[in-house]
Amino acid sequence: VEEHMNSLLSAVLPSVLNKFRIYLTLLRFLDYSISDEITKAVEDDFVEMRKNDPQSITADDLHQLLVVARFLSLSAGQTTLSRERWLRAKQLEALRRTRLQQQKCVNGNEL
């Protein structure tokens, strides 16, 4: 993974990386809100995820999901969280976790 990341970073110009950093930094300062309806849906999803596997998701995981959902929304020009963006954030997180598990199995490393 480290080798792959190093090859990716060397292929991208530092000026382009800096533009990405600036872009993400600016996104943090935009107004953003979550409606009561979506808040309830997020809460329900979190409860359901915890019910299915209490060890698999923590409050920190929920926070991470909300950050990803926020950046997804803002990068699409939306200043409020939609159900679609929330579901996409959950999907991306599930894919990330799957990759971590696969990497763990391949290398035999403990995460």
PDB file of N, CA and C in Angstrom:
ATOM      1  N   VAL A   1       0.833  -1.184   0.000  1.00  0.00           N
ATOM      2  CA  VAL A   1       0.000   0.000   0.000  1.00  0.00           C
ATOM      3  C   VAL A   1       0.879   1.249   0.000  1.00  0.00           C
ATOM      4  N   GLU A   2       1.918   1.229   0.825  1.00  0.00           N
ATOM      5  CA  GLU A   2       2.803   2.389   0.897  1.00  0.00           C
ATOM      6  C   GLU A   2       3.478   2.645  -0.447  1.00  0.00           C
ATOM      7  N   GLU A   3       3.914   1.578  -1.082  1.00  0.00           N
ATOM      8  CA  GLU A   3       4.550   1.717  -2.399  1.00  0.00           C
ATOM      9  C   GLU A   3       3.570   2.299  -3.417  1.00  0.00           C
ATOM     10  N   HIS A   4       2.337   1.801  -3.372  1.00  0.00           N
ATOM     11  CA  HIS A   4       1.302   2.291  -4.287  1.00  0.00           C
ATOM     12  C   HIS A   4       1.033   3.779  -4.039  1.00  0.00           C
ATOM     13  N   MET A   5       0.914   4.162  -2.790  1.00  0.00           N
ATOM     14  CA  MET A   5       0.653   5.565  -2.461  1.00  0.00           C
ATOM     15  C   MET A   5       1.816   6.454  -2.896  1.00  0.00           C
ATOM     16  N   ASN A   6       3.038   5.980  -2.686  1.00  0.00           N
ATOM     17  CA  ASN A   6       4.202   6.763  -3.099  1.00  0.00           C
ATOM     18  C   ASN A   6       4.232   6.962  -4.604  1.00  0.00           C
ATOM     19  N   SER A   7       3.863   5.919  -5.359  1.00  0.00           N
ATOM     20  CA  SER A   7       3.839   6.063  -6.817  1.00  0.00           C
ATOM     21  C   SER A   7       2.746   7.042  -7.247  1.00  0.00           C
ATOM     22  N   LEU A   8       1.602   7.007  -6.566  1.00  0.00           N
ATOM     23  CA  LEU A   8       0.536   7.967  -6.880  1.00  0.00           C
ATOM     24  C   LEU A   8       0.973   9.400  -6.580  1.00  0.00           C
ATOM     25  N   LEU A   9       1.580   9.583  -5.421  1.00  0.00           N
ATOM     26  CA  LEU A   9       2.005  10.924  -5.025  1.00  0.00           C
ATOM     27  C   LEU A   9       3.092  11.469  -5.930  1.00  0.00           C
ATOM     28  N   SER A  10       3.978  10.591  -6.406  1.00  0.00           N
ATOM     29  CA  SER A  10       5.035  11.061  -7.290  1.00  0.00           C
ATOM     30  C   SER A  10       4.496  11.389  -8.672  1.00  0.00           C
ATOM     31  N   ALA A  11       3.358  10.804  -9.052  1.00  0.00           N
ATOM     32  CA  ALA A  11       2.755  11.071 -10.359  1.00  0.00           C
ATOM     33  C   ALA A  11       1.964  12.378 -10.377  1.00  0.00           C
ATOM     34  N   VAL A  12       1.602  12.875  -9.208  1.00  0.00           N
ATOM     35  CA  VAL A  12       0.810  14.105  -9.112  1.00  0.00           C
ATOM     36  C   VAL A  12       1.742  15.257  -8.762  1.00  0.00           C
ATOM     37  N   LEU A  13       1.621  16.318  -9.515  1.00  0.00           N
ATOM     38  CA  LEU A  13       2.459  17.484  -9.262  1.00  0.00           C
ATOM     39  C   LEU A  13       2.135  18.087  -7.896  1.00  0.00           C
ATOM     40  N   PRO A  14       3.157  18.557  -7.203  1.00  0.00           N
ATOM     41  CA  PRO A  14       2.914  19.198  -5.901  1.00  0.00           C
ATOM     42  C   PRO A  14       1.925  20.358  -5.989  1.00  0.00           C
ATOM     43  N   SER A  15       1.930  21.077  -7.093  1.00  0.00           N
ATOM     44  CA  SER A  15       0.990  22.205  -7.229  1.00  0.00           C
ATOM     45  C   SER A  15      -0.453  21.711  -7.281  1.00  0.00           C
ATOM     46  N   VAL A  16      -0.678  20.549  -7.887  1.00  0.00           N
ATOM     47  CA  VAL A  16      -2.024  19.982  -7.948  1.00  0.00           C
ATOM     48  C   VAL A  16      -2.451  19.515  -6.557  1.00  0.00           C
ATOM     49  N   LEU A  17      -1.540  18.864  -5.842  1.00  0.00           N
ATOM     50  CA  LEU A  17      -1.844  18.445  -4.478  1.00  0.00           C
ATOM     51  C   LEU A  17      -2.180  19.649  -3.611  1.00  0.00           C
ATOM     52  N   ASN A  18      -1.454  20.721  -3.788  1.00  0.00           N
ATOM     53  CA  ASN A  18      -1.721  21.920  -3.009  1.00  0.00           C
ATOM     54  C   ASN A  18      -3.105  22.478  -3.322  1.00  0.00           C
ATOM     55  N   LYS A  19      -3.522  22.416  -4.575  1.00  0.00           N
ATOM     56  CA  LYS A  19      -4.865  22.882  -4.945  1.00  0.00           C
ATOM     57  C   LYS A  19      -5.936  22.021  -4.285  1.00  0.00           C
ATOM     58  N   PHE A  20      -5.712  20.715  -4.211  1.00  0.00           N
ATOM     59  CA  PHE A  20      -6.651  19.839  -3.519  1.00  0.00           C
ATOM     60  C   PHE A  20      -6.727  20.202  -2.037  1.00  0.00           C
ATOM     61  N   ARG A  21      -5.598  20.460  -1.429  1.00  0.00           N
ATOM     62  CA  ARG A  21      -5.572  20.833  -0.010  1.00  0.00           C
ATOM     63  C   ARG A  21      -6.342  22.130   0.230  1.00  0.00           C
ATOM     64  N   ILE A  22      -6.115  23.109  -0.635  1.00  0.00           N
ATOM     65  CA  ILE A  22      -6.821  24.383  -0.511  1.00  0.00           C
ATOM     66  C   ILE A  22      -8.319  24.172  -0.673  1.00  0.00           C
ATOM     67  N   TYR A  23      -8.694  23.374  -1.667  1.00  0.00           N
ATOM     68  CA  TYR A  23     -10.109  23.083  -1.927  1.00  0.00           C
ATOM     69  C   TYR A  23     -10.766  22.456  -0.703  1.00  0.00           C
ATOM     70  N   LEU A  24     -10.133  21.437  -0.135  1.00  0.00           N
ATOM     71  CA  LEU A  24     -10.696  20.775   1.042  1.00  0.00           C
ATOM     72  C   LEU A  24     -10.740  21.708   2.244  1.00  0.00           C
ATOM     73  N   THR A  25      -9.750  22.550   2.376  1.00  0.00           N
ATOM     74  CA  THR A  25      -9.741  23.513   3.475  1.00  0.00           C
ATOM     75  C   THR A  25     -10.897  24.502   3.329  1.00  0.00           C
ATOM     76  N   LEU A  26     -11.125  24.980   2.112  1.00  0.00           N
ATOM     77  CA  LEU A  26     -12.224  25.922   1.887  1.00  0.00           C
ATOM     78  C   LEU A  26     -13.580  25.278   2.146  1.00  0.00           C
ATOM     79  N   LEU A  27     -13.714  23.999   1.794  1.00  0.00           N
ATOM     80  CA  LEU A  27     -14.978  23.300   2.048  1.00  0.00           C
ATOM     81  C   LEU A  27     -15.334  23.311   3.528  1.00  0.00           C
ATOM     82  N   ARG A  28     -14.323  23.269   4.380  1.00  0.00           N
ATOM     83  CA  ARG A  28     -14.563  23.228   5.819  1.00  0.00           C
ATOM     84  C   ARG A  28     -15.244  24.495   6.326  1.00  0.00           C
ATOM     85  N   PHE A  29     -15.082  25.604   5.598  1.00  0.00           N
ATOM     86  CA  PHE A  29     -15.613  26.881   6.063  1.00  0.00           C
ATOM     87  C   PHE A  29     -16.980  27.221   5.481  1.00  0.00           C
ATOM     88  N   LEU A  30     -17.485  26.409   4.579  1.00  0.00           N
ATOM     89  CA  LEU A  30     -18.797  26.668   3.999  1.00  0.00           C
ATOM     90  C   LEU A  30     -19.902  26.339   4.999  1.00  0.00           C
ATOM     91  N   ASP A  31     -20.995  27.097   4.901  1.00  0.00           N
ATOM     92  CA  ASP A  31     -22.160  26.786   5.722  1.00  0.00           C
ATOM     93  C   ASP A  31     -22.696  25.421   5.328  1.00  0.00           C
ATOM     94  N   TYR A  32     -23.123  24.680   6.315  1.00  0.00           N
ATOM     95  CA  TYR A  32     -23.591  23.320   6.076  1.00  0.00           C
ATOM     96  C   TYR A  32     -24.598  22.978   7.158  1.00  0.00           C
ATOM     97  N   SER A  33     -25.657  22.277   6.764  1.00  0.00           N
ATOM     98  CA  SER A  33     -26.658  21.895   7.759  1.00  0.00           C
ATOM     99  C   SER A  33     -27.224  20.520   7.444  1.00  0.00           C
ATOM    100  N   ILE A  34     -27.846  19.963   8.449  1.00  0.00           N
ATOM    101  CA  ILE A  34     -28.527  18.677   8.305  1.00  0.00           C
ATOM    102  C   ILE A  34     -29.946  18.880   8.818  1.00  0.00           C
ATOM    103  N   SER A  35     -30.907  18.580   7.969  1.00  0.00           N
ATOM    104  CA  SER A  35     -32.310  18.777   8.354  1.00  0.00           C
ATOM    105  C   SER A  35     -32.696  17.794   9.454  1.00  0.00           C
ATOM    106  N   ASP A  36     -33.789  18.110  10.134  1.00  0.00           N
ATOM    107  CA  ASP A  36     -34.291  17.226  11.188  1.00  0.00           C
ATOM    108  C   ASP A  36     -34.638  15.841  10.624  1.00  0.00           C
ATOM    109  N   GLU A  37     -35.182  15.839   9.416  1.00  0.00           N
ATOM    110  CA  GLU A  37     -35.562  14.564   8.777  1.00  0.00           C
ATOM    111  C   GLU A  37     -34.334  13.688   8.513  1.00  0.00           C
ATOM    112  N   ILE A  38     -33.277  14.293   7.998  1.00  0.00           N
ATOM    113  CA  ILE A  38     -32.060  13.525   7.714  1.00  0.00           C
ATOM    114  C   ILE A  38     -31.357  13.155   9.019  1.00  0.00           C
ATOM    115  N   THR A  39     -31.394  14.038  10.003  1.00  0.00           N
ATOM    116  CA  THR A  39     -30.814  13.720  11.307  1.00  0.00           C
ATOM    117  C   THR A  39     -31.462  12.469  11.880  1.00  0.00           C
ATOM    118  N   LYS A  40     -32.771  12.387  11.777  1.00  0.00           N
ATOM    119  CA  LYS A  40     -33.506  11.217  12.266  1.00  0.00           C
ATOM    120  C   LYS A  40     -33.097   9.972  11.468  1.00  0.00           C
ATOM    121  N   ALA A  41     -32.962  10.101  10.154  1.00  0.00           N
ATOM    122  CA  ALA A  41     -32.555   8.963   9.321  1.00  0.00           C
ATOM    123  C   ALA A  41     -31.149   8.498   9.689  1.00  0.00           C
ATOM    124  N   VAL A  42     -30.237   9.439   9.941  1.00  0.00           N
ATOM    125  CA  VAL A  42     -28.868   9.093  10.339  1.00  0.00           C
ATOM    126  C   VAL A  42     -28.881   8.371  11.689  1.00  0.00           C
ATOM    127  N   GLU A  43     -29.646   8.900  12.620  1.00  0.00           N
ATOM    128  CA  GLU A  43     -29.765   8.258  13.939  1.00  0.00           C
ATOM    129  C   GLU A  43     -30.311   6.841  13.811  1.00  0.00           C
ATOM    130  N   ASP A  44     -31.349   6.685  13.002  1.00  0.00           N
ATOM    131  CA  ASP A  44     -31.941   5.359  12.801  1.00  0.00           C
ATOM    132  C   ASP A  44     -30.934   4.398  12.168  1.00  0.00           C
ATOM    133  N   ASP A  45     -30.186   4.886  11.182  1.00  0.00           N
ATOM    134  CA  ASP A  45     -29.162   4.047  10.544  1.00  0.00           C
ATOM    135  C   ASP A  45     -28.092   3.638  11.548  1.00  0.00           C
ATOM    136  N   PHE A  46     -27.679   4.588  12.374  1.00  0.00           N
ATOM    137  CA  PHE A  46     -26.649   4.291  13.367  1.00  0.00           C
ATOM    138  C   PHE A  46     -27.135   3.239  14.357  1.00  0.00           C
ATOM    139  N   VAL A  47     -28.348   3.388  14.829  1.00  0.00           N
ATOM    140  CA  VAL A  47     -28.925   2.406  15.759  1.00  0.00           C
ATOM    141  C   VAL A  47     -28.992   1.035  15.094  1.00  0.00           C
ATOM    142  N   GLU A  48     -29.414   1.000  13.834  1.00  0.00           N
ATOM    143  CA  GLU A  48     -29.515  -0.267  13.107  1.00  0.00           C
ATOM    144  C   GLU A  48     -28.141  -0.909  12.908  1.00  0.00           C
ATOM    145  N   MET A  49     -27.145  -0.099  12.566  1.00  0.00           N
ATOM    146  CA  MET A  49     -25.785  -0.627  12.394  1.00  0.00           C
ATOM    147  C   MET A  49     -25.260  -1.189  13.714  1.00  0.00           C
ATOM    148  N   ARG A  50     -25.527  -0.496  14.799  1.00  0.00           N
ATOM    149  CA  ARG A  50     -25.081  -0.962  16.119  1.00  0.00           C
ATOM    150  C   ARG A  50     -25.818  -2.234  16.519  1.00  0.00           C
ATOM    151  N   LYS A  51     -27.099  -2.311  16.158  1.00  0.00           N
ATOM    152  CA  LYS A  51     -27.906  -3.480  16.491  1.00  0.00           C
ATOM    153  C   LYS A  51     -27.390  -4.712  15.741  1.00  0.00           C
ATOM    154  N   ASN A  52     -27.029  -4.524  14.467  1.00  0.00           N
ATOM    155  CA  ASN A  52     -26.544  -5.632  13.653  1.00  0.00           C
ATOM    156  C   ASN A  52     -25.195  -6.147  14.116  1.00  0.00           C
ATOM    157  N   ASP A  53     -24.324  -5.250  14.542  1.00  0.00           N
ATOM    158  CA  ASP A  53     -22.998  -5.650  15.007  1.00  0.00           C
ATOM    159  C   ASP A  53     -22.447  -4.558  15.919  1.00  0.00           C
ATOM    160  N   PRO A  54     -22.703  -4.669  17.220  1.00  0.00           N
ATOM    161  CA  PRO A  54     -22.314  -3.610  18.159  1.00  0.00           C
ATOM    162  C   PRO A  54     -20.818  -3.285  18.162  1.00  0.00           C
ATOM    163  N   GLN A  55     -20.001  -4.259  17.817  1.00  0.00           N
ATOM    164  CA  GLN A  55     -18.556  -4.024  17.818  1.00  0.00           C
ATOM    165  C   GLN A  55     -18.067  -3.339  16.541  1.00  0.00           C
ATOM    166  N   SER A  56     -18.904  -3.327  15.509  1.00  0.00           N
ATOM    167  CA  SER A  56     -18.432  -2.867  14.202  1.00  0.00           C
ATOM    168  C   SER A  56     -18.471  -1.350  14.023  1.00  0.00           C
ATOM    169  N   ILE A  57     -19.274  -0.657  14.798  1.00  0.00           N
ATOM    170  CA  ILE A  57     -19.370   0.797  14.609  1.00  0.00           C
ATOM    171  C   ILE A  57     -19.441   1.504  15.955  1.00  0.00           C
ATOM    172  N   THR A  58     -18.671   2.559  16.050  1.00  0.00           N
ATOM    173  CA  THR A  58     -18.606   3.339  17.286  1.00  0.00           C
ATOM    174  C   THR A  58     -19.058   4.768  16.994  1.00  0.00           C
ATOM    175  N   ALA A  59     -19.090   5.576  18.021  1.00  0.00           N
ATOM    176  CA  ALA A  59     -19.410   6.989  17.845  1.00  0.00           C
ATOM    177  C   ALA A  59     -18.368   7.660  16.952  1.00  0.00           C
ATOM    178  N   ASP A  60     -17.115   7.233  17.060  1.00  0.00           N
ATOM    179  CA  ASP A  60     -16.070   7.775  16.179  1.00  0.00           C
ATOM    180  C   ASP A  60     -16.340   7.416  14.725  1.00  0.00           C
ATOM    181  N   ASP A  61     -16.824   6.205  14.487  1.00  0.00           N
ATOM    182  CA  ASP A  61     -17.170   5.793  13.124  1.00  0.00           C
ATOM    183  C   ASP A  61     -18.318   6.642  12.581  1.00  0.00           C
ATOM    184  N   LEU A  62     -19.291   6.925  13.419  1.00  0.00           N
ATOM    185  CA  LEU A  62     -20.403   7.782  13.015  1.00  0.00           C
ATOM    186  C   LEU A  62     -19.887   9.172  12.658  1.00  0.00           C
ATOM    187  N   HIS A  63     -18.999   9.689  13.469  1.00  0.00           N
ATOM    188  CA  HIS A  63     -18.409  10.999  13.197  1.00  0.00           C
ATOM    189  C   HIS A  63     -17.693  10.990  11.846  1.00  0.00           C
ATOM    190  N   GLN A  64     -16.914   9.940  11.597  1.00  0.00           N
ATOM    191  CA  GLN A  64     -16.202   9.821  10.328  1.00  0.00           C
ATOM    192  C   GLN A  64     -17.187   9.796   9.151  1.00  0.00           C
ATOM    193  N   LEU A  65     -18.258   9.051   9.300  1.00  0.00           N
ATOM    194  CA  LEU A  65     -19.285   8.994   8.259  1.00  0.00           C
ATOM    195  C   LEU A  65     -19.895  10.374   8.008  1.00  0.00           C
ATOM    196  N   LEU A  66     -20.149  11.106   9.066  1.00  0.00           N
ATOM    197  CA  LEU A  66     -20.731  12.434   8.919  1.00  0.00           C
ATOM    198  C   LEU A  66     -19.766  13.404   8.232  1.00  0.00           C
ATOM    199  N   VAL A  67     -18.472  13.270   8.519  1.00  0.00           N
ATOM    200  CA  VAL A  67     -17.474  14.111   7.851  1.00  0.00           C
ATOM    201  C   VAL A  67     -17.429  13.787   6.361  1.00  0.00           C
ATOM    202  N   VAL A  68     -17.402  12.504   6.028  1.00  0.00           N
ATOM    203  CA  VAL A  68     -17.394  12.094   4.622  1.00  0.00           C
ATOM    204  C   VAL A  68     -18.657  12.590   3.921  1.00  0.00           C
ATOM    205  N   ALA A  69     -19.801  12.432   4.565  1.00  0.00           N
ATOM    206  CA  ALA A  69     -21.061  12.887   3.989  1.00  0.00           C
ATOM    207  C   ALA A  69     -21.050  14.399   3.771  1.00  0.00           C
ATOM    208  N   ARG A  70     -20.472  15.117   4.708  1.00  0.00           N
ATOM    209  CA  ARG A  70     -20.385  16.574   4.580  1.00  0.00           C
ATOM    210  C   ARG A  70     -19.547  16.951   3.371  1.00  0.00           C
ATOM    211  N   PHE A  71     -18.362  16.354   3.245  1.00  0.00           N
ATOM    212  CA  PHE A  71     -17.498  16.673   2.110  1.00  0.00           C
ATOM    213  C   PHE A  71     -18.122  16.245   0.789  1.00  0.00           C
ATOM    214  N   LEU A  72     -18.814  15.121   0.773  1.00  0.00           N
ATOM    215  CA  LEU A  72     -19.517  14.696  -0.442  1.00  0.00           C
ATOM    216  C   LEU A  72     -20.561  15.722  -0.842  1.00  0.00           C
ATOM    217  N   SER A  73     -21.322  16.175   0.130  1.00  0.00           N
ATOM    218  CA  SER A  73     -22.368  17.165  -0.149  1.00  0.00           C
ATOM    219  C   SER A  73     -21.769  18.469  -0.656  1.00  0.00           C
ATOM    220  N   LEU A  74     -20.809  18.994   0.077  1.00  0.00           N
ATOM    221  CA  LEU A  74     -20.220  20.274  -0.285  1.00  0.00           C
ATOM    222  C   LEU A  74     -19.496  20.209  -1.624  1.00  0.00           C
ATOM    223  N   SER A  75     -18.832  19.092  -1.898  1.00  0.00           N
ATOM    224  CA  SER A  75     -18.121  18.975  -3.174  1.00  0.00           C
ATOM    225  C   SER A  75     -19.091  18.906  -4.346  1.00  0.00           C
ATOM    226  N   ALA A  76     -20.335  18.540  -4.086  1.00  0.00           N
ATOM    227  CA  ALA A  76     -21.371  18.519  -5.121  1.00  0.00           C
ATOM    228  C   ALA A  76     -22.157  19.833  -5.152  1.00  0.00           C
ATOM    229  N   GLY A  77     -21.718  20.804  -4.349  1.00  0.00           N
ATOM    230  CA  GLY A  77     -22.376  22.099  -4.332  1.00  0.00           C
ATOM    231  C   GLY A  77     -23.625  22.141  -3.478  1.00  0.00           C
ATOM    232  N   GLN A  78     -23.825  21.145  -2.616  1.00  0.00           N
ATOM    233  CA  GLN A  78     -24.995  21.101  -1.740  1.00  0.00           C
ATOM    234  C   GLN A  78     -24.581  21.491  -0.325  1.00  0.00           C
ATOM    235  N   THR A  79     -25.337  22.389   0.271  1.00  0.00           N
ATOM    236  CA  THR A  79     -24.997  22.842   1.623  1.00  0.00           C
ATOM    237  C   THR A  79     -25.828  22.143   2.694  1.00  0.00           C
ATOM    238  N   THR A  80     -26.620  21.177   2.271  1.00  0.00           N
ATOM    239  CA  THR A  80     -27.355  20.354   3.224  1.00  0.00           C
ATOM    240  C   THR A  80     -27.149  18.890   2.856  1.00  0.00           C
ATOM    241  N   LEU A  81     -27.218  18.049   3.855  1.00  0.00           N
ATOM    242  CA  LEU A  81     -27.039  16.612   3.631  1.00  0.00           C
ATOM    243  C   LEU A  81     -28.337  16.026   3.072  1.00  0.00           C
ATOM    244  N   SER A  82     -28.198  15.287   1.994  1.00  0.00           N
ATOM    245  CA  SER A  82     -29.355  14.594   1.422  1.00  0.00           C
ATOM    246  C   SER A  82     -29.254  13.113   1.777  1.00  0.00           C
ATOM    247  N   ARG A  83     -30.357  12.437   1.633  1.00  0.00           N
ATOM    248  CA  ARG A  83     -30.375  10.989   1.888  1.00  0.00           C
ATOM    249  C   ARG A  83     -29.400  10.279   0.946  1.00  0.00           C
ATOM    250  N   GLU A  84     -29.355  10.714  -0.303  1.00  0.00           N
ATOM    251  CA  GLU A  84     -28.464  10.095  -1.285  1.00  0.00           C
ATOM    252  C   GLU A  84     -26.993  10.243  -0.890  1.00  0.00           C
ATOM    253  N   ARG A  85     -26.617  11.425  -0.422  1.00  0.00           N
ATOM    254  CA  ARG A  85     -25.218  11.648  -0.004  1.00  0.00           C
ATOM    255  C   ARG A  85     -24.898  10.826   1.246  1.00  0.00           C
ATOM    256  N   TRP A  86     -25.855  10.703   2.141  1.00  0.00           N
ATOM    257  CA  TRP A  86     -25.643   9.891   3.336  1.00  0.00           C
ATOM    258  C   TRP A  86     -25.424   8.431   2.950  1.00  0.00           C
ATOM    259  N   LEU A  87     -26.265   7.929   2.052  1.00  0.00           N
ATOM    260  CA  LEU A  87     -26.126   6.537   1.615  1.00  0.00           C
ATOM    261  C   LEU A  87     -24.804   6.321   0.888  1.00  0.00           C
ATOM    262  N   ARG A  88     -24.382   7.302   0.106  1.00  0.00           N
ATOM    263  CA  ARG A  88     -23.093   7.202  -0.603  1.00  0.00           C
ATOM    264  C   ARG A  88     -21.932   7.189   0.396  1.00  0.00           C
ATOM    265  N   ALA A  89     -22.008   8.006   1.421  1.00  0.00           N
ATOM    266  CA  ALA A  89     -20.965   8.016   2.455  1.00  0.00           C
ATOM    267  C   ALA A  89     -20.882   6.650   3.130  1.00  0.00           C
ATOM    268  N   LYS A  90     -22.030   6.067   3.441  1.00  0.00           N
ATOM    269  CA  LYS A  90     -22.047   4.725   4.047  1.00  0.00           C
ATOM    270  C   LYS A  90     -21.442   3.701   3.100  1.00  0.00           C
ATOM    271  N   GLN A  91     -21.762   3.819   1.824  1.00  0.00           N
ATOM    272  CA  GLN A  91     -21.227   2.900   0.831  1.00  0.00           C
ATOM    273  C   GLN A  91     -19.700   3.027   0.731  1.00  0.00           C
ATOM    274  N   LEU A  92     -19.209   4.248   0.686  1.00  0.00           N
ATOM    275  CA  LEU A  92     -17.763   4.463   0.615  1.00  0.00           C
ATOM    276  C   LEU A  92     -17.059   3.911   1.852  1.00  0.00           C
ATOM    277  N   GLU A  93     -17.666   4.105   3.005  1.00  0.00           N
ATOM    278  CA  GLU A  93     -17.079   3.583   4.244  1.00  0.00           C
ATOM    279  C   GLU A  93     -17.059   2.061   4.233  1.00  0.00           C
ATOM    280  N   ALA A  94     -18.114   1.440   3.741  1.00  0.00           N
ATOM    281  CA  ALA A  94     -18.156  -0.020   3.655  1.00  0.00           C
ATOM    282  C   ALA A  94     -17.065  -0.525   2.710  1.00  0.00           C
ATOM    283  N   LEU A  95     -16.863   0.166   1.598  1.00  0.00           N
ATOM    284  CA  LEU A  95     -15.802  -0.215   0.663  1.00  0.00           C
ATOM    285  C   LEU A  95     -14.422  -0.064   1.304  1.00  0.00           C
ATOM    286  N   ARG A  96     -14.244   1.020   2.058  1.00  0.00           N
ATOM    287  CA  ARG A  96     -12.959   1.240   2.746  1.00  0.00           C
ATOM    288  C   ARG A  96     -12.681   0.124   3.746  1.00  0.00           C
ATOM    289  N   ARG A  97     -13.692  -0.231   4.502  1.00  0.00           N
ATOM    290  CA  ARG A  97     -13.534  -1.295   5.497  1.00  0.00           C
ATOM    291  C   ARG A  97     -13.222  -2.641   4.825  1.00  0.00           C
ATOM    292  N   THR A  98     -13.858  -2.900   3.699  1.00  0.00           N
ATOM    293  CA  THR A  98     -13.600  -4.132   2.956  1.00  0.00           C
ATOM    294  C   THR A  98     -12.151  -4.170   2.484  1.00  0.00           C
ATOM    295  N   ARG A  99     -11.674  -3.039   1.968  1.00  0.00           N
ATOM    296  CA  ARG A  99     -10.272  -2.984   1.526  1.00  0.00           C
ATOM    297  C   ARG A  99      -9.323  -3.207   2.696  1.00  0.00           C
ATOM    298  N   LEU A 100      -9.645  -2.635   3.841  1.00  0.00           N
ATOM    299  CA  LEU A 100      -8.797  -2.839   5.019  1.00  0.00           C
ATOM    300  C   LEU A 100      -8.752  -4.309   5.417  1.00  0.00           C
ATOM    301  N   GLN A 101      -9.904  -4.953   5.402  1.00  0.00           N
ATOM    302  CA  GLN A 101      -9.969  -6.377   5.746  1.00  0.00           C
ATOM    303  C   GLN A 101      -9.179  -7.215   4.743  1.00  0.00           C
ATOM    304  N   GLN A 102      -9.306  -6.895   3.458  1.00  0.00           N
ATOM    305  CA  GLN A 102      -8.568  -7.621   2.431  1.00  0.00           C
ATOM    306  C   GLN A 102      -7.071  -7.434   2.616  1.00  0.00           C
ATOM    307  N   GLN A 103      -6.670  -6.222   2.922  1.00  0.00           N
ATOM    308  CA  GLN A 103      -5.246  -5.946   3.141  1.00  0.00           C
ATOM    309  C   GLN A 103      -4.747  -6.700   4.358  1.00  0.00           C
ATOM    310  N   LYS A 104      -5.566  -6.757   5.389  1.00  0.00           N
ATOM    311  CA  LYS A 104      -5.204  -7.478   6.607  1.00  0.00           C
ATOM    312  C   LYS A 104      -4.999  -8.969   6.296  1.00  0.00           C
ATOM    313  N   CYS A 105      -5.901  -9.523   5.483  1.00  0.00           N
ATOM    314  CA  CYS A 105      -5.807 -10.935   5.127  1.00  0.00           C
ATOM    315  C   CYS A 105      -4.604 -11.201   4.234  1.00  0.00           C
ATOM    316  N   VAL A 106      -4.314 -10.293   3.326  1.00  0.00           N
ATOM    317  CA  VAL A 106      -3.207 -10.481   2.405  1.00  0.00           C
ATOM    318  C   VAL A 106      -1.869 -10.436   3.133  1.00  0.00           C
ATOM    319  N   ASN A 107      -1.715  -9.439   3.969  1.00  0.00           N
ATOM    320  CA  ASN A 107      -0.435  -9.244   4.653  1.00  0.00           C
ATOM    321  C   ASN A 107      -0.343  -9.959   5.990  1.00  0.00           C
ATOM    322  N   GLY A 108      -1.477 -10.381   6.525  1.00  0.00           N
ATOM    323  CA  GLY A 108      -1.469 -11.017   7.823  1.00  0.00           C
ATOM    324  C   GLY A 108      -1.182 -10.064   8.961  1.00  0.00           C
ATOM    325  N   ASN A 109      -1.340  -8.793   8.711  1.00  0.00           N
ATOM    326  CA  ASN A 109      -1.065  -7.786   9.730  1.00  0.00           C
ATOM    327  C   ASN A 109      -2.284  -7.561  10.601  1.00  0.00           C
ATOM    328  N   GLU A 110      -2.035  -7.232  11.829  1.00  0.00           N
ATOM    329  CA  GLU A 110      -3.109  -6.829  12.738  1.00  0.00           C
ATOM    330  C   GLU A 110      -3.313  -5.335  12.579  1.00  0.00           C
ATOM    331  N   LEU A 111      -4.567  -4.934  12.440  1.00  0.00           N
ATOM    332  CA  LEU A 111      -4.862  -3.500  12.345  1.00  0.00           C
ATOM    333  C   LEU A 111      -5.318  -2.952  13.657  1.00  0.00           C
TER     334      LEU A 111
END
